[in-house]
PDB file of N, CA and C in Angstrom:
ATOM      1  N   UNK A   1      -9.514  30.388   5.123  1.00  0.00           N
ATOM      2  CA  UNK A   1      -9.714  28.970   5.011  1.00  0.00           C
ATOM      3  C   UNK A   1      -8.785  28.169   5.999  1.00  0.00           C
ATOM      4  N   UNK A   2      -8.261  28.765   7.012  1.00  0.00           N
ATOM      5  CA  UNK A   2      -7.356  28.037   7.960  1.00  0.00           C
ATOM      6  C   UNK A   2      -8.039  27.341   9.018  1.00  0.00           C
ATOM      7  N   UNK A   3      -9.404  27.114   8.732  1.00  0.00           N
ATOM      8  CA  UNK A   3      -9.974  26.056   9.675  1.00  0.00           C
ATOM      9  C   UNK A   3      -9.461  24.732   9.616  1.00  0.00           C
ATOM     10  N   UNK A   4      -8.951  24.258  10.744  1.00  0.00           N
ATOM     11  CA  UNK A   4      -8.502  22.757  10.721  1.00  0.00           C
ATOM     12  C   UNK A   4      -9.437  21.772  11.026  1.00  0.00           C
ATOM     13  N   UNK A   5      -9.505  20.627  10.301  1.00  0.00           N
ATOM     14  CA  UNK A   5     -10.545  19.737  10.434  1.00  0.00           C
ATOM     15  C   UNK A   5      -9.806  18.351  11.083  1.00  0.00           C
ATOM     16  N   UNK A   6     -10.474  17.513  11.809  1.00  0.00           N
ATOM     17  CA  UNK A   6      -9.883  16.282  11.984  1.00  0.00           C
ATOM     18  C   UNK A   6     -10.146  15.253  11.000  1.00  0.00           C
ATOM     19  N   UNK A   7      -9.110  14.460  10.966  1.00  0.00           N
ATOM     20  CA  UNK A   7      -9.215  13.381   9.741  1.00  0.00           C
ATOM     21  C   UNK A   7     -10.476  12.670   9.875  1.00  0.00           C
ATOM     22  N   UNK A   8     -11.074  12.304  10.984  1.00  0.00           N
ATOM     23  CA  UNK A   8     -12.354  11.694  11.151  1.00  0.00           C
ATOM     24  C   UNK A   8     -13.426  12.444  10.477  1.00  0.00           C
ATOM     25  N   UNK A   9     -13.284  13.800  10.639  1.00  0.00           N
ATOM     26  CA  UNK A   9     -14.434  14.639  10.051  1.00  0.00           C
ATOM     27  C   UNK A   9     -14.270  14.703   8.530  1.00  0.00           C
ATOM     28  N   UNK A  10     -13.000  14.751   8.073  1.00  0.00           N
ATOM     29  CA  UNK A  10     -12.783  14.826   6.735  1.00  0.00           C
ATOM     30  C   UNK A  10     -13.077  13.452   5.911  1.00  0.00           C
ATOM     31  N   UNK A  11     -12.952  12.264   6.511  1.00  0.00           N
ATOM     32  CA  UNK A  11     -13.332  11.014   5.937  1.00  0.00           C
ATOM     33  C   UNK A  11     -14.701  10.870   6.081  1.00  0.00           C
ATOM     34  N   UNK A  12     -15.456  11.348   7.006  1.00  0.00           N
ATOM     35  CA  UNK A  12     -16.980  11.280   7.284  1.00  0.00           C
ATOM     36  C   UNK A  12     -17.647  12.070   6.233  1.00  0.00           C
ATOM     37  N   UNK A  13     -16.866  13.429   5.718  1.00  0.00           N
ATOM     38  CA  UNK A  13     -17.518  14.294   4.806  1.00  0.00           C
ATOM     39  C   UNK A  13     -17.400  13.620   3.366  1.00  0.00           C
ATOM     40  N   UNK A  14     -16.198  12.806   3.166  1.00  0.00           N
ATOM     41  CA  UNK A  14     -15.917  12.197   1.871  1.00  0.00           C
ATOM     42  C   UNK A  14     -17.021  11.194   1.805  1.00  0.00           C
ATOM     43  N   UNK A  15     -17.218  10.476   2.774  1.00  0.00           N
ATOM     44  CA  UNK A  15     -18.149   9.292   2.661  1.00  0.00           C
ATOM     45  C   UNK A  15     -19.493   9.732   2.364  1.00  0.00           C
ATOM     46  N   UNK A  16     -19.875  10.924   2.778  1.00  0.00           N
ATOM     47  CA  UNK A  16     -21.298  11.397   2.703  1.00  0.00           C
ATOM     48  C   UNK A  16     -21.437  12.112   1.296  1.00  0.00           C
ATOM     49  N   UNK A  17     -20.459  12.307   0.350  1.00  0.00           N
ATOM     50  CA  UNK A  17     -20.517  12.805  -0.849  1.00  0.00           C
ATOM     51  C   UNK A  17     -20.847  11.839  -1.969  1.00  0.00           C
ATOM     52  N   UNK A  18     -21.778  12.048  -2.691  1.00  0.00           N
ATOM     53  CA  UNK A  18     -21.973  11.184  -3.874  1.00  0.00           C
ATOM     54  C   UNK A  18     -21.377  11.771  -5.249  1.00  0.00           C
ATOM     55  N   UNK A  19     -20.499  10.849  -5.752  1.00  0.00           N
ATOM     56  CA  UNK A  19     -19.953  11.154  -7.099  1.00  0.00           C
ATOM     57  C   UNK A  19     -18.511  11.934  -6.890  1.00  0.00           C
ATOM     58  N   UNK A  20     -18.020  12.319  -5.978  1.00  0.00           N
ATOM     59  CA  UNK A  20     -16.758  13.014  -5.759  1.00  0.00           C
ATOM     60  C   UNK A  20     -15.470  11.987  -5.851  1.00  0.00           C
ATOM     61  N   UNK A  21     -14.370  12.730  -6.482  1.00  0.00           N
ATOM     62  CA  UNK A  21     -13.205  12.055  -6.422  1.00  0.00           C
ATOM     63  C   UNK A  21     -12.188  12.384  -5.782  1.00  0.00           C
ATOM     64  N   UNK A  22     -11.426  11.816  -4.901  1.00  0.00           N
ATOM     65  CA  UNK A  22     -10.116  12.289  -4.379  1.00  0.00           C
ATOM     66  C   UNK A  22      -9.046  11.852  -5.318  1.00  0.00           C
ATOM     67  N   UNK A  23      -8.368  12.782  -5.978  1.00  0.00           N
ATOM     68  CA  UNK A  23      -7.282  12.374  -6.946  1.00  0.00           C
ATOM     69  C   UNK A  23      -6.164  13.063  -6.797  1.00  0.00           C
ATOM     70  N   UNK A  24      -5.119  12.388  -7.313  1.00  0.00           N
ATOM     71  CA  UNK A  24      -3.658  13.032  -7.435  1.00  0.00           C
ATOM     72  C   UNK A  24      -3.340  13.139  -8.874  1.00  0.00           C
ATOM     73  N   UNK A  25      -2.412  14.068  -8.969  1.00  0.00           N
ATOM     74  CA  UNK A  25      -1.620  14.199 -10.454  1.00  0.00           C
ATOM     75  C   UNK A  25      -0.334  13.555 -10.263  1.00  0.00           C
ATOM     76  N   UNK A  26       0.353  13.463 -11.225  1.00  0.00           N
ATOM     77  CA  UNK A  26       1.747  12.933 -11.537  1.00  0.00           C
ATOM     78  C   UNK A  26       2.785  13.898 -10.782  1.00  0.00           C
ATOM     79  N   UNK A  27       2.280  14.968 -10.269  1.00  0.00           N
ATOM     80  CA  UNK A  27       3.276  15.946  -9.576  1.00  0.00           C
ATOM     81  C   UNK A  27       3.101  15.889  -8.110  1.00  0.00           C
ATOM     82  N   UNK A  28       2.176  14.915  -7.574  1.00  0.00           N
ATOM     83  CA  UNK A  28       1.975  14.776  -6.155  1.00  0.00           C
ATOM     84  C   UNK A  28       0.991  15.928  -5.498  1.00  0.00           C
ATOM     85  N   UNK A  29       0.286  16.412  -6.337  1.00  0.00           N
ATOM     86  CA  UNK A  29      -0.918  17.297  -5.939  1.00  0.00           C
ATOM     87  C   UNK A  29      -2.128  16.682  -5.728  1.00  0.00           C
ATOM     88  N   UNK A  30      -3.053  17.062  -4.877  1.00  0.00           N
ATOM     89  CA  UNK A  30      -4.283  16.429  -4.688  1.00  0.00           C
ATOM     90  C   UNK A  30      -5.479  17.326  -4.930  1.00  0.00           C
ATOM     91  N   UNK A  31      -6.540  16.783  -5.227  1.00  0.00           N
ATOM     92  CA  UNK A  31      -7.801  17.674  -5.402  1.00  0.00           C
ATOM     93  C   UNK A  31      -9.091  16.726  -5.138  1.00  0.00           C
ATOM     94  N   UNK A  32      -9.990  17.270  -4.754  1.00  0.00           N
ATOM     95  CA  UNK A  32     -11.341  16.767  -4.476  1.00  0.00           C
ATOM     96  C   UNK A  32     -12.227  17.251  -5.779  1.00  0.00           C
ATOM     97  N   UNK A  33     -12.762  16.262  -6.467  1.00  0.00           N
ATOM     98  CA  UNK A  33     -13.559  16.752  -7.724  1.00  0.00           C
ATOM     99  C   UNK A  33     -14.870  16.191  -7.846  1.00  0.00           C
ATOM    100  N   UNK A  34     -15.958  17.103  -8.017  1.00  0.00           N
ATOM    101  CA  UNK A  34     -17.319  16.574  -8.149  1.00  0.00           C
ATOM    102  C   UNK A  34     -17.775  16.719  -9.646  1.00  0.00           C
ATOM    103  N   UNK A  35     -16.833  17.266 -10.489  1.00  0.00           N
ATOM    104  CA  UNK A  35     -17.214  17.154 -12.112  1.00  0.00           C
ATOM    105  C   UNK A  35     -16.465  16.224 -12.786  1.00  0.00           C
ATOM    106  N   UNK A  36     -17.260  15.856 -13.627  1.00  0.00           N
ATOM    107  CA  UNK A  36     -16.790  14.708 -14.799  1.00  0.00           C
ATOM    108  C   UNK A  36     -17.746  13.756 -15.025  1.00  0.00           C
ATOM    109  N   UNK A  37     -17.277  12.593 -15.613  1.00  0.00           N
ATOM    110  CA  UNK A  37     -18.228  11.560 -15.852  1.00  0.00           C
ATOM    111  C   UNK A  37     -17.650  10.243 -15.907  1.00  0.00           C
ATOM    112  N   UNK A  38     -18.530   9.221 -15.604  1.00  0.00           N
ATOM    113  CA  UNK A  38     -18.267   7.759 -15.570  1.00  0.00           C
ATOM    114  C   UNK A  38     -19.410   6.944 -16.086  1.00  0.00           C
ATOM    115  N   UNK A  39     -19.234   5.813 -16.563  1.00  0.00           N
ATOM    116  CA  UNK A  39     -20.304   4.934 -16.921  1.00  0.00           C
ATOM    117  C   UNK A  39     -21.029   4.512 -15.610  1.00  0.00           C
ATOM    118  N   UNK A  40     -22.298   3.971 -15.838  1.00  0.00           N
ATOM    119  CA  UNK A  40     -23.265   4.017 -14.634  1.00  0.00           C
ATOM    120  C   UNK A  40     -22.679   2.760 -13.813  1.00  0.00           C
ATOM    121  N   UNK A  41     -22.621   2.953 -12.505  1.00  0.00           N
ATOM    122  CA  UNK A  41     -22.015   1.803 -11.735  1.00  0.00           C
ATOM    123  C   UNK A  41     -23.144   0.752 -11.457  1.00  0.00           C
ATOM    124  N   UNK A  42     -22.832  -0.499 -11.195  1.00  0.00           N
ATOM    125  CA  UNK A  42     -23.664  -1.473 -10.746  1.00  0.00           C
ATOM    126  C   UNK A  42     -23.812  -1.489  -9.371  1.00  0.00           C
ATOM    127  N   UNK A  43     -24.959  -0.874  -8.818  1.00  0.00           N
ATOM    128  CA  UNK A  43     -25.183  -0.787  -7.401  1.00  0.00           C
ATOM    129  C   UNK A  43     -25.203  -2.124  -6.383  1.00  0.00           C
ATOM    130  N   UNK A  44     -25.281  -3.208  -7.411  1.00  0.00           N
ATOM    131  CA  UNK A  44     -25.298  -4.618  -6.509  1.00  0.00           C
ATOM    132  C   UNK A  44     -23.945  -5.076  -6.210  1.00  0.00           C
ATOM    133  N   UNK A  45     -22.866  -4.926  -7.306  1.00  0.00           N
ATOM    134  CA  UNK A  45     -21.593  -5.332  -6.942  1.00  0.00           C
ATOM    135  C   UNK A  45     -20.548  -4.433  -7.887  1.00  0.00           C
ATOM    136  N   UNK A  46     -19.293  -4.333  -7.380  1.00  0.00           N
ATOM    137  CA  UNK A  46     -18.390  -3.606  -8.092  1.00  0.00           C
ATOM    138  C   UNK A  46     -18.262  -4.170  -9.562  1.00  0.00           C
ATOM    139  N   UNK A  47     -17.867  -3.020 -10.422  1.00  0.00           N
ATOM    140  CA  UNK A  47     -17.593  -3.471 -11.773  1.00  0.00           C
ATOM    141  C   UNK A  47     -16.533  -2.400 -12.190  1.00  0.00           C
ATOM    142  N   UNK A  48     -15.860  -2.994 -13.292  1.00  0.00           N
ATOM    143  CA  UNK A  48     -14.894  -1.909 -14.045  1.00  0.00           C
ATOM    144  C   UNK A  48     -15.560  -0.847 -14.557  1.00  0.00           C
ATOM    145  N   UNK A  49     -14.991   0.407 -14.149  1.00  0.00           N
ATOM    146  CA  UNK A  49     -15.510   1.694 -14.801  1.00  0.00           C
ATOM    147  C   UNK A  49     -14.409   2.597 -15.362  1.00  0.00           C
ATOM    148  N   UNK A  50     -14.739   3.467 -16.241  1.00  0.00           N
ATOM    149  CA  UNK A  50     -13.795   4.397 -16.795  1.00  0.00           C
ATOM    150  C   UNK A  50     -14.367   5.718 -16.313  1.00  0.00           C
ATOM    151  N   UNK A  51     -13.534   6.570 -15.674  1.00  0.00           N
ATOM    152  CA  UNK A  51     -13.920   7.954 -15.128  1.00  0.00           C
ATOM    153  C   UNK A  51     -12.984   9.010 -15.635  1.00  0.00           C
ATOM    154  N   UNK A  52     -13.882  10.163 -15.714  1.00  0.00           N
ATOM    155  CA  UNK A  52     -13.040  11.347 -16.171  1.00  0.00           C
ATOM    156  C   UNK A  52     -13.374  12.374 -15.251  1.00  0.00           C
ATOM    157  N   UNK A  53     -12.472  13.148 -14.621  1.00  0.00           N
ATOM    158  CA  UNK A  53     -12.660  14.243 -13.734  1.00  0.00           C
ATOM    159  C   UNK A  53     -12.291  15.421 -14.304  1.00  0.00           C
ATOM    160  N   UNK A  54     -12.922  16.569 -13.979  1.00  0.00           N
ATOM    161  CA  UNK A  54     -12.361  17.923 -14.314  1.00  0.00           C
ATOM    162  C   UNK A  54     -12.012  18.604 -13.025  1.00  0.00           C
ATOM    163  N   UNK A  55     -10.776  19.191 -13.014  1.00  0.00           N
ATOM    164  CA  UNK A  55     -10.308  19.814 -11.869  1.00  0.00           C
ATOM    165  C   UNK A  55      -9.887  21.289 -12.144  1.00  0.00           C
ATOM    166  N   UNK A  56     -10.378  22.368 -11.524  1.00  0.00           N
ATOM    167  CA  UNK A  56      -9.949  23.626 -11.529  1.00  0.00           C
ATOM    168  C   UNK A  56      -8.332  23.772 -11.092  1.00  0.00           C
ATOM    169  N   UNK A  57      -7.686  24.367 -11.810  1.00  0.00           N
ATOM    170  CA  UNK A  57      -6.192  24.514 -11.368  1.00  0.00           C
ATOM    171  C   UNK A  57      -6.048  25.108  -9.830  1.00  0.00           C
ATOM    172  N   UNK A  58      -7.002  25.928  -9.453  1.00  0.00           N
ATOM    173  CA  UNK A  58      -6.966  26.525  -8.326  1.00  0.00           C
ATOM    174  C   UNK A  58      -7.357  25.458  -7.075  1.00  0.00           C
ATOM    175  N   UNK A  59      -7.754  24.277  -7.417  1.00  0.00           N
ATOM    176  CA  UNK A  59      -8.315  23.396  -6.614  1.00  0.00           C
ATOM    177  C   UNK A  59      -7.138  22.409  -6.079  1.00  0.00           C
ATOM    178  N   UNK A  60      -5.931  22.306  -6.836  1.00  0.00           N
ATOM    179  CA  UNK A  60      -4.898  21.436  -6.551  1.00  0.00           C
ATOM    180  C   UNK A  60      -4.078  21.992  -5.394  1.00  0.00           C
ATOM    181  N   UNK A  61      -3.896  20.950  -4.496  1.00  0.00           N
ATOM    182  CA  UNK A  61      -3.212  21.278  -3.156  1.00  0.00           C
ATOM    183  C   UNK A  61      -2.050  20.358  -2.969  1.00  0.00           C
ATOM    184  N   UNK A  62      -1.194  20.560  -1.937  1.00  0.00           N
ATOM    185  CA  UNK A  62       0.012  19.861  -1.897  1.00  0.00           C
ATOM    186  C   UNK A  62      -0.251  18.454  -0.960  1.00  0.00           C
ATOM    187  N   UNK A  63      -1.469  18.480  -0.288  1.00  0.00           N
ATOM    188  CA  UNK A  63      -1.679  17.377   0.681  1.00  0.00           C
ATOM    189  C   UNK A  63      -3.199  16.894   0.600  1.00  0.00           C
ATOM    190  N   UNK A  64      -3.307  15.821   1.004  1.00  0.00           N
ATOM    191  CA  UNK A  64      -4.584  15.213   0.833  1.00  0.00           C
ATOM    192  C   UNK A  64      -5.653  15.925   1.759  1.00  0.00           C
ATOM    193  N   UNK A  65      -5.194  16.333   2.811  1.00  0.00           N
ATOM    194  CA  UNK A  65      -5.952  17.045   4.004  1.00  0.00           C
ATOM    195  C   UNK A  65      -6.234  18.440   3.371  1.00  0.00           C
ATOM    196  N   UNK A  66      -5.284  19.122   2.936  1.00  0.00           N
ATOM    197  CA  UNK A  66      -5.494  20.445   2.245  1.00  0.00           C
ATOM    198  C   UNK A  66      -6.614  20.330   1.145  1.00  0.00           C
ATOM    199  N   UNK A  67      -6.698  19.283   0.347  1.00  0.00           N
ATOM    200  CA  UNK A  67      -7.492  19.240  -0.760  1.00  0.00           C
ATOM    201  C   UNK A  67      -8.936  18.905  -0.123  1.00  0.00           C
ATOM    202  N   UNK A  68      -9.065  18.145   0.831  1.00  0.00           N
ATOM    203  CA  UNK A  68     -10.298  17.933   1.285  1.00  0.00           C
ATOM    204  C   UNK A  68     -10.967  19.076   2.083  1.00  0.00           C
ATOM    205  N   UNK A  69     -10.043  19.958   2.752  1.00  0.00           N
ATOM    206  CA  UNK A  69     -10.439  20.936   3.587  1.00  0.00           C
ATOM    207  C   UNK A  69     -11.149  22.105   2.650  1.00  0.00           C
ATOM    208  N   UNK A  70     -10.390  22.356   1.304  1.00  0.00           N
ATOM    209  CA  UNK A  70     -10.797  23.296   0.406  1.00  0.00           C
ATOM    210  C   UNK A  70     -12.076  22.864  -0.075  1.00  0.00           C
ATOM    211  N   UNK A  71     -12.191  21.725  -0.496  1.00  0.00           N
ATOM    212  CA  UNK A  71     -13.683  20.988  -0.846  1.00  0.00           C
ATOM    213  C   UNK A  71     -14.673  21.250   0.091  1.00  0.00           C
ATOM    214  N   UNK A  72     -14.361  21.012   1.359  1.00  0.00           N
ATOM    215  CA  UNK A  72     -15.441  21.176   2.298  1.00  0.00           C
ATOM    216  C   UNK A  72     -15.677  22.692   2.615  1.00  0.00           C
ATOM    217  N   UNK A  73     -14.761  23.476   2.573  1.00  0.00           N
ATOM    218  CA  UNK A  73     -14.962  25.001   2.452  1.00  0.00           C
ATOM    219  C   UNK A  73     -15.810  25.375   1.390  1.00  0.00           C
ATOM    220  N   UNK A  74     -15.573  25.015   0.204  1.00  0.00           N
ATOM    221  CA  UNK A  74     -16.223  25.350  -0.935  1.00  0.00           C
ATOM    222  C   UNK A  74     -17.586  24.977  -0.951  1.00  0.00           C
ATOM    223  N   UNK A  75     -17.986  23.708  -0.197  1.00  0.00           N
ATOM    224  CA  UNK A  75     -19.383  23.307  -0.038  1.00  0.00           C
ATOM    225  C   UNK A  75     -20.184  24.299   0.827  1.00  0.00           C
ATOM    226  N   UNK A  76     -19.378  24.524   2.039  1.00  0.00           N
ATOM    227  CA  UNK A  76     -20.074  25.354   2.914  1.00  0.00           C
ATOM    228  C   UNK A  76     -20.430  26.850   2.319  1.00  0.00           C
ATOM    229  N   UNK A  77     -19.332  27.359   1.623  1.00  0.00           N
ATOM    230  CA  UNK A  77     -19.617  28.569   0.995  1.00  0.00           C
ATOM    231  C   UNK A  77     -20.837  28.518   0.151  1.00  0.00           C
ATOM    232  N   UNK A  78     -20.888  27.469  -0.785  1.00  0.00           N
ATOM    233  CA  UNK A  78     -21.964  27.369  -1.716  1.00  0.00           C
ATOM    234  C   UNK A  78     -23.212  27.274  -0.940  1.00  0.00           C
ATOM    235  N   UNK A  79     -23.411  26.397   0.130  1.00  0.00           N
ATOM    236  CA  UNK A  79     -24.518  26.301   0.786  1.00  0.00           C
ATOM    237  C   UNK A  79     -25.101  27.684   1.360  1.00  0.00           C
ATOM    238  N   UNK A  80     -24.065  28.646   1.951  1.00  0.00           N
ATOM    239  CA  UNK A  80     -24.260  29.645   2.630  1.00  0.00           C
ATOM    240  C   UNK A  80     -24.830  30.619   1.318  1.00  0.00           C
ATOM    241  N   UNK A  81     -24.287  30.729   0.279  1.00  0.00           N
ATOM    242  CA  UNK A  81     -24.703  31.497  -0.883  1.00  0.00           C
ATOM    243  C   UNK A  81     -26.179  31.025  -1.336  1.00  0.00           C
ATOM    244  N   UNK A  82     -26.346  29.772  -1.303  1.00  0.00           N
ATOM    245  CA  UNK A  82     -27.924  29.310  -1.669  1.00  0.00           C
ATOM    246  C   UNK A  82     -29.022  29.768  -0.574  1.00  0.00           C
ATOM    247  N   UNK A  83     -28.411  30.106   0.654  1.00  0.00           N
ATOM    248  CA  UNK A  83     -29.364  30.420   1.621  1.00  0.00           C
ATOM    249  C   UNK A  83     -29.847  31.793   1.428  1.00  0.00           C
ATOM    250  N   UNK A  84     -29.131  32.711   0.808  1.00  0.00           N
ATOM    251  CA  UNK A  84     -29.188  34.173   0.871  1.00  0.00           C
ATOM    252  C   UNK A  84     -30.383  34.517  -0.338  1.00  0.00           C
TER     253      UNK A  84
END
């Protein structure tokens, strides 16, 4: 998983994902999660929402970049597994 990404590629990847959250815990770790729930957003304008994310402990990383890279690699692996 040592593949380095550019920040532009990371941000473009995040923008292309529906329903993912880039989150931090109180210990300074970061993760990208696509599991959880929230109330339905209003697509016409921003509203207050309540969101709950689930994060596997193996997905926590010490930097934002690492967290995004791990999520990108997982998506690539899942995509390759689905092609088999």
